[in-house]
Protein backbone atom coordinates (compact mmCIF):
# COMPACT_ATOMS: atom_id res chain seq x y z
CA MET A 1 -11.00 14.66 2.82
CA THR A 2 -8.62 14.10 5.59
CA GLU A 3 -5.46 16.23 6.68
CA GLU A 4 -1.90 15.04 6.97
CA LYS A 5 1.25 16.35 8.60
CA SER A 6 2.89 19.18 6.57
CA GLY A 7 4.00 22.79 7.02
CA ILE A 8 2.14 25.92 8.09
CA SER A 9 1.85 27.34 4.60
CA ARG A 10 0.89 24.15 2.60
CA LEU A 11 -1.40 21.58 4.44
CA LYS A 12 -1.31 17.97 2.65
CA VAL A 13 -4.74 16.74 2.16
CA LYS A 14 -5.98 13.42 0.96
CA PHE A 15 -9.44 12.76 -0.80
CA ILE A 16 -10.96 9.08 -0.53
CA ILE A 17 -13.48 8.80 -3.18
CA GLU A 18 -15.44 5.58 -2.89
CA GLY A 19 -15.34 3.49 -6.19
CA LEU A 20 -12.94 5.91 -7.71
CA GLY A 21 -9.72 5.74 -5.43
CA GLU A 22 -7.64 8.33 -3.53
CA VAL A 23 -5.86 11.54 -4.33
CA GLU A 24 -3.49 13.66 -2.40
CA GLY A 25 -3.21 17.58 -2.94
CA GLU A 26 -2.36 20.58 -0.84
CA LEU A 27 -4.32 23.49 0.66
CA VAL A 28 -2.33 26.60 0.03
CA ARG A 29 -2.82 28.99 3.09
CA PHE A 30 -1.47 32.24 1.46
CA LEU A 31 -4.10 32.13 -1.35
CA ALA A 32 -6.92 31.96 0.90
CA PRO A 33 -6.05 31.87 4.78
CA ARG A 34 -9.49 32.26 6.34
CA THR A 35 -11.14 29.65 3.84
CA VAL A 36 -8.28 27.13 4.27
CA ASP A 37 -8.63 27.60 8.11
CA LEU A 38 -12.20 26.88 7.99
CA ILE A 39 -11.92 23.85 5.79
CA VAL A 40 -9.09 22.34 8.28
CA ARG A 41 -11.46 23.03 11.41
CA SER A 42 -14.03 20.99 9.66
CA LEU A 43 -11.90 18.05 8.62
CA PRO A 44 -12.48 15.37 7.89
CA ILE A 45 -15.41 16.12 5.49
CA GLU A 46 -17.64 13.25 4.58
CA GLY A 47 -20.49 13.32 1.78
CA ARG A 48 -21.61 12.42 -1.33
CA ALA A 49 -19.43 13.58 -4.51
CA ALA A 50 -20.75 14.40 -8.10
CA LEU A 51 -18.74 14.29 -11.05
CA TRP A 52 -18.65 16.71 -13.90
CA LYS A 53 -16.52 15.99 -16.80
CA GLU A 54 -13.08 15.65 -15.05
CA GLU A 55 -14.15 17.76 -12.02
CA VAL A 56 -15.37 16.31 -8.52
CA TYR A 57 -17.92 18.50 -6.45
CA PHE A 58 -19.06 17.57 -2.99
CA GLU A 59 -20.79 19.71 -0.22
CA THR A 60 -18.89 20.98 2.84
CA PRO A 61 -20.34 22.47 6.11
CA ILE A 62 -18.47 25.73 5.46
CA LYS A 63 -20.79 29.00 5.22
CA MET A 64 -18.76 31.89 4.02
CA GLY A 65 -18.31 34.15 0.89
CA GLU A 66 -15.50 34.39 -1.68
CA GLU A 67 -11.91 34.98 -0.73
CA LYS A 68 -9.54 36.07 -3.24
CA ALA A 69 -11.77 34.75 -6.00
CA ARG A 70 -10.46 33.54 -9.52
CA ALA A 71 -12.51 33.17 -12.47
CA THR A 72 -10.49 30.00 -13.78
CA VAL A 73 -7.86 27.67 -12.20
CA GLU A 74 -5.16 25.62 -13.31
CA ALA A 75 -6.14 21.54 -13.72
CA GLY A 76 -5.26 19.76 -10.63
CA THR A 77 -6.18 22.55 -8.21
CA ILE A 78 -8.25 22.20 -5.35
CA ALA A 79 -11.04 24.94 -5.12
CA PHE A 80 -13.56 26.12 -2.81
CA TRP A 81 -17.02 27.37 -4.55
CA PRO A 82 -19.18 28.96 -2.20
CA MET A 83 -22.71 28.34 -2.68
């Protein structure tokens, strides 16, 4: 995952998944400001991705608890799941 130039509240990111392609998205700071700040400071993030149905999961170096957690999200949402 890499960061591209964007506004303060919405940060554009690009996921490059070897063998599958690229996808762009946004991290929305007001939805989880501490989480987004930690993710941005950790970029770029590299590692192995796992597929489950239509979802892509990968580990990050970020160690923190939940922030403004939701039980469900809309399709296409970028979400952080602390483990």
